[in-house]
Amino acid sequence: MSKHKPTAHYEGPGEFFDTHAHLYDHKFSEAGRTAEDILTAAKTAGVTKVLVPADSVETSKLAEAFAETNDGIYGVDLYYSVGIHPHEAKTWNKDAEEYLSDKIREGCRGKLRAIGEIGLDYYYDLSPRDCKKEVFARQLDMAYEADMPIILHERDATKDTIDIILAQEAKGALRADPGVCHCCSMSAEAASELVKRGFYIGFDGPLTFKNNVKGVKLAQSVPLDRIVIETDSPYLTPEPNRGRRNEPEYVPFVAARLAEILGRSIEDIAKITYDNGCRLYGLG
């Protein structure tokens, strides 16, 4: 194994579900971190389930390969998603749609558990906005047709994101539990529109950052049965390890901050978010 000495490491009770970690990302291999390294450290920290999300056709294949190859070997159950991120919307074509359709049809009851990341991002315009909207709406249709949850990516595009979801609802093509707003940065008021429609809200490392008043207000507003935790590894590392490469072993620090904000024990938050993650992804 490669050397890896986190500046802080959670040691305590609880079983955790990291519902969003890009474990195939090149930042891990560049640091010499193998699947065994990552997953053994995660298991030591109490993380027993991880969902590996995708953001393009290429990473959909990588997510599948990572999950299928390493599932359960190091004591961690692995799942994955497929989908086209708004940054990659310009790559959408007939081949991409056929790939996703075929993959969803093949794997909708196996390790494939969601369609995502999909959504809108206006912080970076790496694809035309009209293209982003079209690709988002098409993948929402695919999710409804396959009866699968989505992993929603939204950044600086709250109104258009909600408008598209409301349009989906109006035409009767939105699941009762549509999915999760990953790393949600919406206001509490905006996020409530998603929660009303059955969405889960994902909390990540930024919740632990000093003076994140908006995140605290959001956490306080979301019903307990709609909260999940995630790392977005290798990005968004929580305190006290901010500035380092993120890994699933750090997701308990997000749980600990939620526990502090909500006046609950970390054991409560671990169980609540674990059960919510299982329900979100149909894991029984």
C-alpha atoms as a PDB file:
ATOM      1  CA  MET A   1       0.000   0.000   0.000  1.00  0.00           C
ATOM      2  CA  SER A   2       1.053   3.622  -0.523  1.00  0.00           C
ATOM      3  CA  LYS A   3       1.822   5.772   2.492  1.00  0.00           C
ATOM      4  CA  HIS A   4      -1.160   7.803   3.607  1.00  0.00           C
ATOM      5  CA  LYS A   5      -1.289   9.654   6.904  1.00  0.00           C
ATOM      6  CA  PRO A   6      -4.407  11.783   7.275  1.00  0.00           C
ATOM      7  CA  THR A   7      -4.028  14.769   9.545  1.00  0.00           C
ATOM      8  CA  ALA A   8      -7.169  13.633  11.327  1.00  0.00           C
ATOM      9  CA  HIS A   9      -9.045  10.369  11.207  1.00  0.00           C
ATOM     10  CA  TYR A  10     -12.438   9.549  12.694  1.00  0.00           C
ATOM     11  CA  GLU A  11     -12.413   6.717  15.188  1.00  0.00           C
ATOM     12  CA  GLY A  12     -15.717   5.920  16.788  1.00  0.00           C
ATOM     13  CA  PRO A  13     -19.058   4.159  16.440  1.00  0.00           C
ATOM     14  CA  GLY A  14     -21.212   4.303  13.372  1.00  0.00           C
ATOM     15  CA  GLU A  15     -21.663   2.776   9.929  1.00  0.00           C
ATOM     16  CA  PHE A  16     -21.478   5.269   7.087  1.00  0.00           C
ATOM     17  CA  PHE A  17     -22.607   5.456   3.458  1.00  0.00           C
ATOM     18  CA  ASP A  18     -20.589   7.789   1.228  1.00  0.00           C
ATOM     19  CA  THR A  19     -23.202   8.405  -1.443  1.00  0.00           C
ATOM     20  CA  HIS A  20     -20.885  10.215  -3.884  1.00  0.00           C
ATOM     21  CA  ALA A  21     -17.180   9.493  -4.465  1.00  0.00           C
ATOM     22  CA  HIS A  22     -15.344   9.555  -7.822  1.00  0.00           C
ATOM     23  CA  LEU A  23     -12.949   6.761  -6.914  1.00  0.00           C
ATOM     24  CA  TYR A  24     -11.659   6.271 -10.464  1.00  0.00           C
ATOM     25  CA  ASP A  25     -10.371   9.869 -10.593  1.00  0.00           C
ATOM     26  CA  HIS A  26      -6.777  10.358 -11.781  1.00  0.00           C
ATOM     27  CA  LYS A  27      -5.919  12.234  -8.577  1.00  0.00           C
ATOM     28  CA  PHE A  28      -5.868   8.914  -6.729  1.00  0.00           C
ATOM     29  CA  SER A  29      -3.534   7.158  -9.136  1.00  0.00           C
ATOM     30  CA  GLU A  30      -1.297  10.223  -9.313  1.00  0.00           C
ATOM     31  CA  ALA A  31      -0.948  10.027  -5.523  1.00  0.00           C
ATOM     32  CA  GLY A  32      -0.214   6.310  -5.692  1.00  0.00           C
ATOM     33  CA  ARG A  33      -3.481   5.404  -3.987  1.00  0.00           C
ATOM     34  CA  THR A  34      -4.873   2.029  -5.047  1.00  0.00           C
ATOM     35  CA  ALA A  35      -8.423   0.755  -4.660  1.00  0.00           C
ATOM     36  CA  GLU A  36      -7.182  -1.352  -1.759  1.00  0.00           C
ATOM     37  CA  ASP A  37      -5.674   1.722  -0.065  1.00  0.00           C
ATOM     38  CA  ILE A  38      -8.815   3.797  -0.457  1.00  0.00           C
ATOM     39  CA  LEU A  39     -11.324   1.148   0.533  1.00  0.00           C
ATOM     40  CA  THR A  40      -9.339  -0.301   3.422  1.00  0.00           C
ATOM     41  CA  ALA A  41      -9.021   3.197   4.908  1.00  0.00           C
ATOM     42  CA  ALA A  42     -12.739   3.748   4.355  1.00  0.00           C
ATOM     43  CA  LYS A  43     -13.672   0.509   6.099  1.00  0.00           C
ATOM     44  CA  THR A  44     -11.415   1.398   9.049  1.00  0.00           C
ATOM     45  CA  ALA A  45     -13.376   4.650   9.400  1.00  0.00           C
ATOM     46  CA  GLY A  46     -16.705   2.769   9.395  1.00  0.00           C
ATOM     47  CA  VAL A  47     -17.648   3.413   5.765  1.00  0.00           C
ATOM     48  CA  THR A  48     -19.285   0.265   4.411  1.00  0.00           C
ATOM     49  CA  LYS A  49     -21.076   1.553   1.309  1.00  0.00           C
ATOM     50  CA  VAL A  50     -19.954   3.928  -1.445  1.00  0.00           C
ATOM     51  CA  LEU A  51     -21.685   5.026  -4.632  1.00  0.00           C
ATOM     52  CA  VAL A  52     -19.285   5.888  -7.464  1.00  0.00           C
ATOM     53  CA  PRO A  53     -20.892   8.488  -9.775  1.00  0.00           C
ATOM     54  CA  ALA A  54     -20.111   9.364 -13.379  1.00  0.00           C
ATOM     55  CA  ASP A  55     -20.180  12.537 -15.452  1.00  0.00           C
ATOM     56  CA  SER A  56     -19.560  11.354 -19.039  1.00  0.00           C
ATOM     57  CA  VAL A  57     -19.652   8.222 -21.152  1.00  0.00           C
ATOM     58  CA  GLU A  58     -15.969   7.662 -20.396  1.00  0.00           C
ATOM     59  CA  THR A  59     -16.352   8.003 -16.627  1.00  0.00           C
ATOM     60  CA  SER A  60     -19.550   5.939 -16.686  1.00  0.00           C
ATOM     61  CA  LYS A  61     -17.395   3.085 -17.948  1.00  0.00           C
ATOM     62  CA  LEU A  62     -14.732   3.823 -15.320  1.00  0.00           C
ATOM     63  CA  ALA A  63     -17.304   3.967 -12.512  1.00  0.00           C
ATOM     64  CA  GLU A  64     -18.771   0.636 -13.576  1.00  0.00           C
ATOM     65  CA  ALA A  65     -15.355  -0.997 -13.802  1.00  0.00           C
ATOM     66  CA  PHE A  66     -14.271   0.292 -10.389  1.00  0.00           C
ATOM     67  CA  ALA A  67     -17.482  -0.819  -8.676  1.00  0.00           C
ATOM     68  CA  GLU A  68     -17.702  -4.207 -10.346  1.00  0.00           C
ATOM     69  CA  THR A  69     -13.994  -5.014  -9.845  1.00  0.00           C
ATOM     70  CA  ASN A  70     -13.683  -3.974  -6.192  1.00  0.00           C
ATOM     71  CA  ASP A  71     -17.142  -4.582  -4.743  1.00  0.00           C
ATOM     72  CA  GLY A  72     -16.952  -6.183  -1.310  1.00  0.00           C
ATOM     73  CA  ILE A  73     -13.312  -7.244  -1.574  1.00  0.00           C
ATOM     74  CA  TYR A  74     -12.119  -4.776   1.062  1.00  0.00           C
ATOM     75  CA  GLY A  75     -15.274  -4.791   3.172  1.00  0.00           C
ATOM     76  CA  VAL A  76     -17.051  -1.985   1.294  1.00  0.00           C
ATOM     77  CA  ASP A  77     -20.134  -2.470  -0.895  1.00  0.00           C
ATOM     78  CA  LEU A  78     -19.813  -0.473  -4.112  1.00  0.00           C
ATOM     79  CA  TYR A  79     -22.453   0.892  -6.491  1.00  0.00           C
ATOM     80  CA  TYR A  80     -22.266   3.261  -9.441  1.00  0.00           C
ATOM     81  CA  SER A  81     -24.160   5.599 -11.727  1.00  0.00           C
ATOM     82  CA  VAL A  82     -24.025   6.549 -15.401  1.00  0.00           C
ATOM     83  CA  GLY A  83     -24.812   9.923 -16.906  1.00  0.00           C
ATOM     84  CA  ILE A  84     -23.745  13.097 -18.698  1.00  0.00           C
ATOM     85  CA  HIS A  85     -22.780  16.092 -16.544  1.00  0.00           C
ATOM     86  CA  PRO A  86     -23.781  19.585 -17.753  1.00  0.00           C
ATOM     87  CA  HIS A  87     -20.123  20.362 -18.496  1.00  0.00           C
ATOM     88  CA  GLU A  88     -20.167  17.426 -20.929  1.00  0.00           C
ATOM     89  CA  ALA A  89     -23.560  18.180 -22.488  1.00  0.00           C
ATOM     90  CA  LYS A  90     -21.912  19.171 -25.781  1.00  0.00           C
ATOM     91  CA  THR A  91     -20.753  15.550 -26.160  1.00  0.00           C
ATOM     92  CA  TRP A  92     -24.345  14.275 -26.221  1.00  0.00           C
ATOM     93  CA  ASN A  93     -25.122  12.450 -29.447  1.00  0.00           C
ATOM     94  CA  LYS A  94     -26.909   9.352 -30.671  1.00  0.00           C
ATOM     95  CA  ASP A  95     -24.061   7.086 -29.566  1.00  0.00           C
ATOM     96  CA  ALA A  96     -24.032   8.553 -26.042  1.00  0.00           C
ATOM     97  CA  GLU A  97     -27.794   8.180 -25.723  1.00  0.00           C
ATOM     98  CA  GLU A  98     -27.699   4.612 -26.973  1.00  0.00           C
ATOM     99  CA  TYR A  99     -24.868   3.748 -24.589  1.00  0.00           C
ATOM    100  CA  LEU A 100     -26.778   5.102 -21.593  1.00  0.00           C
ATOM    101  CA  SER A 101     -30.038   3.472 -22.677  1.00  0.00           C
ATOM    102  CA  ASP A 102     -28.355   0.107 -23.129  1.00  0.00           C
ATOM    103  CA  LYS A 103     -26.472   0.350 -19.844  1.00  0.00           C
ATOM    104  CA  ILE A 104     -29.576   1.326 -17.903  1.00  0.00           C
ATOM    105  CA  ARG A 105     -31.548  -1.524 -19.448  1.00  0.00           C
ATOM    106  CA  GLU A 106     -28.787  -4.016 -18.616  1.00  0.00           C
ATOM    107  CA  GLY A 107     -27.992  -2.869 -15.101  1.00  0.00           C
ATOM    108  CA  CYS A 108     -31.034  -1.318 -13.527  1.00  0.00           C
ATOM    109  CA  ARG A 109     -31.273  -4.004 -10.866  1.00  0.00           C
ATOM    110  CA  GLY A 110     -27.587  -4.627 -10.274  1.00  0.00           C
ATOM    111  CA  LYS A 111     -24.775  -2.358  -9.113  1.00  0.00           C
ATOM    112  CA  LEU A 112     -26.031   0.456 -11.343  1.00  0.00           C
ATOM    113  CA  ARG A 113     -28.256   2.484  -9.051  1.00  0.00           C
ATOM    114  CA  ALA A 114     -28.706   5.982 -10.509  1.00  0.00           C
ATOM    115  CA  ILE A 115     -28.455   8.280 -13.498  1.00  0.00           C
ATOM    116  CA  GLY A 116     -26.016  11.085 -12.861  1.00  0.00           C
ATOM    117  CA  GLU A 117     -24.454  13.417 -12.443  1.00  0.00           C
ATOM    118  CA  ILE A 118     -26.994  15.339 -14.511  1.00  0.00           C
ATOM    119  CA  GLY A 119     -28.345  18.849 -14.226  1.00  0.00           C
ATOM    120  CA  LEU A 120     -27.298  22.444 -14.878  1.00  0.00           C
ATOM    121  CA  ASP A 121     -24.140  24.407 -14.130  1.00  0.00           C
ATOM    122  CA  TYR A 122     -23.868  28.079 -15.064  1.00  0.00           C
ATOM    123  CA  TYR A 123     -20.714  28.741 -13.044  1.00  0.00           C
ATOM    124  CA  TYR A 124     -18.747  27.318 -15.974  1.00  0.00           C
ATOM    125  CA  ASP A 125     -20.167  27.466 -19.484  1.00  0.00           C
ATOM    126  CA  LEU A 126     -18.230  24.522 -20.871  1.00  0.00           C
ATOM    127  CA  SER A 127     -21.293  23.585 -22.936  1.00  0.00           C
ATOM    128  CA  PRO A 128     -23.980  25.888 -24.364  1.00  0.00           C
ATOM    129  CA  ARG A 129     -26.793  26.535 -21.891  1.00  0.00           C
ATOM    130  CA  ASP A 130     -29.559  25.447 -24.259  1.00  0.00           C
ATOM    131  CA  CYS A 131     -27.650  22.213 -24.807  1.00  0.00           C
ATOM    132  CA  LYS A 132     -27.336  21.682 -21.053  1.00  0.00           C
ATOM    133  CA  LYS A 133     -31.080  22.120 -20.606  1.00  0.00           C
ATOM    134  CA  GLU A 134     -31.911  19.728 -23.432  1.00  0.00           C
ATOM    135  CA  VAL A 135     -29.542  17.013 -22.186  1.00  0.00           C
ATOM    136  CA  PHE A 136     -30.755  17.410 -18.599  1.00  0.00           C
ATOM    137  CA  ALA A 137     -34.409  17.062 -19.652  1.00  0.00           C
ATOM    138  CA  ARG A 138     -33.649  14.028 -21.821  1.00  0.00           C
ATOM    139  CA  GLN A 139     -31.879  12.238 -18.988  1.00  0.00           C
ATOM    140  CA  LEU A 140     -34.763  13.064 -16.636  1.00  0.00           C
ATOM    141  CA  ASP A 141     -37.030  11.268 -19.123  1.00  0.00           C
ATOM    142  CA  MET A 142     -34.668   8.292 -19.181  1.00  0.00           C
ATOM    143  CA  ALA A 143     -34.633   8.139 -15.380  1.00  0.00           C
ATOM    144  CA  TYR A 144     -38.411   8.155 -15.222  1.00  0.00           C
ATOM    145  CA  GLU A 145     -38.718   5.508 -17.937  1.00  0.00           C
ATOM    146  CA  ALA A 146     -36.221   3.286 -16.115  1.00  0.00           C
ATOM    147  CA  ASP A 147     -37.667   4.059 -12.653  1.00  0.00           C
ATOM    148  CA  MET A 148     -34.228   5.085 -11.401  1.00  0.00           C
ATOM    149  CA  PRO A 149     -33.174   8.018  -9.175  1.00  0.00           C
ATOM    150  CA  ILE A 150     -31.038  10.840 -10.509  1.00  0.00           C
ATOM    151  CA  ILE A 151     -27.953  12.475  -9.045  1.00  0.00           C
ATOM    152  CA  LEU A 152     -28.621  16.168  -9.587  1.00  0.00           C
ATOM    153  CA  HIS A 153     -25.748  18.595 -10.139  1.00  0.00           C
ATOM    154  CA  GLU A 154     -26.747  22.241  -9.770  1.00  0.00           C
ATOM    155  CA  ARG A 155     -24.481  25.262  -9.586  1.00  0.00           C
ATOM    156  CA  ASP A 156     -25.596  28.865 -10.108  1.00  0.00           C
ATOM    157  CA  ALA A 157     -28.604  27.605 -12.071  1.00  0.00           C
ATOM    158  CA  THR A 158     -31.257  27.177  -9.399  1.00  0.00           C
ATOM    159  CA  LYS A 159     -34.222  28.736 -11.181  1.00  0.00           C
ATOM    160  CA  ASP A 160     -33.770  26.915 -14.470  1.00  0.00           C
ATOM    161  CA  THR A 161     -33.072  23.637 -12.652  1.00  0.00           C
ATOM    162  CA  ILE A 162     -36.268  23.865 -10.634  1.00  0.00           C
ATOM    163  CA  ASP A 163     -38.259  25.016 -13.665  1.00  0.00           C
ATOM    164  CA  ILE A 164     -37.177  21.935 -15.641  1.00  0.00           C
ATOM    165  CA  ILE A 165     -38.041  19.652 -12.718  1.00  0.00           C
ATOM    166  CA  LEU A 166     -41.447  21.316 -12.356  1.00  0.00           C
ATOM    167  CA  ALA A 167     -42.067  20.844 -16.074  1.00  0.00           C
ATOM    168  CA  GLN A 168     -41.156  17.189 -15.676  1.00  0.00           C
ATOM    169  CA  GLU A 169     -43.622  16.903 -12.805  1.00  0.00           C
ATOM    170  CA  ALA A 170     -46.343  18.690 -14.785  1.00  0.00           C
ATOM    171  CA  LYS A 171     -46.164  16.129 -17.572  1.00  0.00           C
ATOM    172  CA  GLY A 172     -46.361  13.274 -15.049  1.00  0.00           C
ATOM    173  CA  ALA A 173     -42.789  12.086 -15.582  1.00  0.00           C
ATOM    174  CA  LEU A 174     -41.181  12.574 -12.171  1.00  0.00           C
ATOM    175  CA  ARG A 175     -40.700   9.701  -9.719  1.00  0.00           C
ATOM    176  CA  ALA A 176     -42.097  10.012  -6.192  1.00  0.00           C
ATOM    177  CA  ASP A 177     -38.472   9.873  -4.980  1.00  0.00           C
ATOM    178  CA  PRO A 178     -36.704  11.559  -7.908  1.00  0.00           C
ATOM    179  CA  GLY A 179     -33.165  11.389  -6.537  1.00  0.00           C
ATOM    180  CA  VAL A 180     -30.636  13.519  -4.685  1.00  0.00           C
ATOM    181  CA  CYS A 181     -29.407  17.075  -5.076  1.00  0.00           C
ATOM    182  CA  HIS A 182     -25.714  16.300  -4.788  1.00  0.00           C
ATOM    183  CA  CYS A 183     -23.541  18.758  -2.813  1.00  0.00           C
ATOM    184  CA  CYS A 184     -26.527  21.052  -2.572  1.00  0.00           C
ATOM    185  CA  SER A 185     -25.613  24.744  -2.558  1.00  0.00           C
ATOM    186  CA  MET A 186     -29.157  26.072  -2.946  1.00  0.00           C
ATOM    187  CA  SER A 187     -30.797  28.290  -0.381  1.00  0.00           C
ATOM    188  CA  ALA A 188     -33.036  26.579   2.139  1.00  0.00           C
ATOM    189  CA  GLU A 189     -36.049  28.105   0.394  1.00  0.00           C
ATOM    190  CA  ALA A 190     -35.076  26.830  -3.048  1.00  0.00           C
ATOM    191  CA  ALA A 191     -34.087  23.388  -1.769  1.00  0.00           C
ATOM    192  CA  SER A 192     -37.487  23.069  -0.119  1.00  0.00           C
ATOM    193  CA  GLU A 193     -39.021  22.935  -3.615  1.00  0.00           C
ATOM    194  CA  LEU A 194     -36.959  19.830  -4.285  1.00  0.00           C
ATOM    195  CA  VAL A 195     -37.700  18.271  -0.896  1.00  0.00           C
ATOM    196  CA  LYS A 196     -41.430  18.785  -1.485  1.00  0.00           C
ATOM    197  CA  ARG A 197     -41.038  16.654  -4.580  1.00  0.00           C
ATOM    198  CA  GLY A 198     -39.243  13.858  -2.781  1.00  0.00           C
ATOM    199  CA  PHE A 199     -35.604  14.770  -3.395  1.00  0.00           C
ATOM    200  CA  TYR A 200     -32.864  13.958  -0.919  1.00  0.00           C
ATOM    201  CA  ILE A 201     -30.262  16.609  -0.132  1.00  0.00           C
ATOM    202  CA  GLY A 202     -26.560  15.710  -0.142  1.00  0.00           C
ATOM    203  CA  PHE A 203     -24.143  17.339   2.302  1.00  0.00           C
ATOM    204  CA  ASP A 204     -20.381  17.401   1.755  1.00  0.00           C
ATOM    205  CA  GLY A 205     -17.179  18.891   3.107  1.00  0.00           C
ATOM    206  CA  PRO A 206     -18.205  22.548   2.631  1.00  0.00           C
ATOM    207  CA  LEU A 207     -20.687  22.128   5.473  1.00  0.00           C
ATOM    208  CA  THR A 208     -17.687  21.862   7.814  1.00  0.00           C
ATOM    209  CA  PHE A 209     -16.087  25.076   6.559  1.00  0.00           C
ATOM    210  CA  LYS A 210     -15.963  28.034   8.915  1.00  0.00           C
ATOM    211  CA  ASN A 211     -18.708  30.633   8.443  1.00  0.00           C
ATOM    212  CA  ASN A 212     -20.759  28.500   6.036  1.00  0.00           C
ATOM    213  CA  VAL A 213     -23.968  30.084   7.291  1.00  0.00           C
ATOM    214  CA  LYS A 214     -25.943  29.171   4.173  1.00  0.00           C
ATOM    215  CA  GLY A 215     -25.058  25.502   4.565  1.00  0.00           C
ATOM    216  CA  VAL A 216     -26.021  25.486   8.233  1.00  0.00           C
ATOM    217  CA  LYS A 217     -29.414  27.022   7.438  1.00  0.00           C
ATOM    218  CA  LEU A 218     -29.950  24.440   4.718  1.00  0.00           C
ATOM    219  CA  ALA A 219     -29.058  21.559   7.045  1.00  0.00           C
ATOM    220  CA  GLN A 220     -31.450  22.881   9.666  1.00  0.00           C
ATOM    221  CA  SER A 221     -34.270  23.093   7.123  1.00  0.00           C
ATOM    222  CA  VAL A 222     -34.127  19.614   5.592  1.00  0.00           C
ATOM    223  CA  PRO A 223     -36.196  16.832   7.188  1.00  0.00           C
ATOM    224  CA  LEU A 224     -34.030  14.108   8.695  1.00  0.00           C
ATOM    225  CA  ASP A 225     -35.424  11.491   6.329  1.00  0.00           C
ATOM    226  CA  ARG A 226     -34.152  13.481   3.324  1.00  0.00           C
ATOM    227  CA  ILE A 227     -30.492  13.945   4.334  1.00  0.00           C
ATOM    228  CA  VAL A 228     -27.563  11.977   2.915  1.00  0.00           C
ATOM    229  CA  ILE A 229     -23.812  12.497   3.286  1.00  0.00           C
ATOM    230  CA  GLU A 230     -21.089  12.335   0.667  1.00  0.00           C
ATOM    231  CA  THR A 231     -17.490  13.293   0.036  1.00  0.00           C
ATOM    232  CA  ASP A 232     -17.360  14.067  -3.694  1.00  0.00           C
ATOM    233  CA  SER A 233     -13.886  12.537  -3.435  1.00  0.00           C
ATOM    234  CA  PRO A 234     -11.254  13.535  -4.383  1.00  0.00           C
ATOM    235  CA  TYR A 235     -12.696  17.052  -4.049  1.00  0.00           C
ATOM    236  CA  LEU A 236     -14.302  19.169  -1.277  1.00  0.00           C
ATOM    237  CA  THR A 237     -12.310  17.734   1.628  1.00  0.00           C
ATOM    238  CA  PRO A 238     -13.917  18.509   5.003  1.00  0.00           C
ATOM    239  CA  GLU A 239     -12.249  20.083   7.984  1.00  0.00           C
ATOM    240  CA  PRO A 240      -9.943  19.192   9.657  1.00  0.00           C
ATOM    241  CA  ASN A 241      -8.312  17.814   6.492  1.00  0.00           C
ATOM    242  CA  ARG A 242      -9.200  20.675   4.137  1.00  0.00           C
ATOM    243  CA  GLY A 243      -6.520  21.201   1.530  1.00  0.00           C
ATOM    244  CA  ARG A 244      -5.752  17.495   1.204  1.00  0.00           C
ATOM    245  CA  ARG A 245      -7.129  15.033  -1.331  1.00  0.00           C
ATOM    246  CA  ASN A 246     -10.567  13.870  -0.184  1.00  0.00           C
ATOM    247  CA  GLU A 247     -11.422  10.193   0.366  1.00  0.00           C
ATOM    248  CA  PRO A 248     -14.446   8.239   1.658  1.00  0.00           C
ATOM    249  CA  GLU A 249     -12.710   7.797   5.033  1.00  0.00           C
ATOM    250  CA  TYR A 250     -13.442  11.486   5.683  1.00  0.00           C
ATOM    251  CA  VAL A 251     -17.230  11.288   5.308  1.00  0.00           C
ATOM    252  CA  PRO A 252     -17.686  10.805   9.096  1.00  0.00           C
ATOM    253  CA  PHE A 253     -16.487  14.396   9.551  1.00  0.00           C
ATOM    254  CA  VAL A 254     -19.480  15.566   7.511  1.00  0.00           C
ATOM    255  CA  ALA A 255     -21.716  13.432   9.739  1.00  0.00           C
ATOM    256  CA  ALA A 256     -20.091  14.913  12.831  1.00  0.00           C
ATOM    257  CA  ARG A 257     -20.780  18.468  11.637  1.00  0.00           C
ATOM    258  CA  LEU A 258     -24.393  17.577  10.868  1.00  0.00           C
ATOM    259  CA  ALA A 259     -24.713  16.085  14.349  1.00  0.00           C
ATOM    260  CA  GLU A 260     -23.385  19.313  15.849  1.00  0.00           C
ATOM    261  CA  ILE A 261     -25.742  21.496  13.810  1.00  0.00           C
ATOM    262  CA  LEU A 262     -28.812  19.358  14.516  1.00  0.00           C
ATOM    263  CA  GLY A 263     -28.088  18.588  18.162  1.00  0.00           C
ATOM    264  CA  ARG A 264     -27.925  14.837  17.557  1.00  0.00           C
ATOM    265  CA  SER A 265     -25.298  12.221  18.268  1.00  0.00           C
ATOM    266  CA  ILE A 266     -23.009  11.158  15.446  1.00  0.00           C
ATOM    267  CA  GLU A 267     -24.357   7.631  15.904  1.00  0.00           C
ATOM    268  CA  ASP A 268     -27.864   8.970  15.138  1.00  0.00           C
ATOM    269  CA  ILE A 269     -26.698  10.842  12.063  1.00  0.00           C
ATOM    270  CA  ALA A 270     -24.710   7.834  10.851  1.00  0.00           C
ATOM    271  CA  LYS A 271     -27.759   5.572  11.073  1.00  0.00           C
ATOM    272  CA  ILE A 272     -30.183   8.132   9.641  1.00  0.00           C
ATOM    273  CA  THR A 273     -28.012   8.966   6.634  1.00  0.00           C
ATOM    274  CA  TYR A 274     -27.052   5.335   6.062  1.00  0.00           C
ATOM    275  CA  ASP A 275     -30.703   4.267   6.025  1.00  0.00           C
ATOM    276  CA  ASN A 276     -31.611   7.229   3.807  1.00  0.00           C
ATOM    277  CA  GLY A 277     -28.859   6.351   1.328  1.00  0.00           C
ATOM    278  CA  CYS A 278     -30.078   2.764   1.160  1.00  0.00           C
ATOM    279  CA  ARG A 279     -33.639   3.922   0.560  1.00  0.00           C
ATOM    280  CA  LEU A 280     -32.544   6.460  -2.061  1.00  0.00           C
ATOM    281  CA  TYR A 281     -30.723   3.809  -4.071  1.00  0.00           C
ATOM    282  CA  GLY A 282     -33.161   0.957  -3.469  1.00  0.00           C
ATOM    283  CA  LEU A 283     -30.808  -1.149  -1.389  1.00  0.00           C
ATOM    284  CA  GLY A 284     -33.381  -2.485   1.044  1.00  0.00           C
END
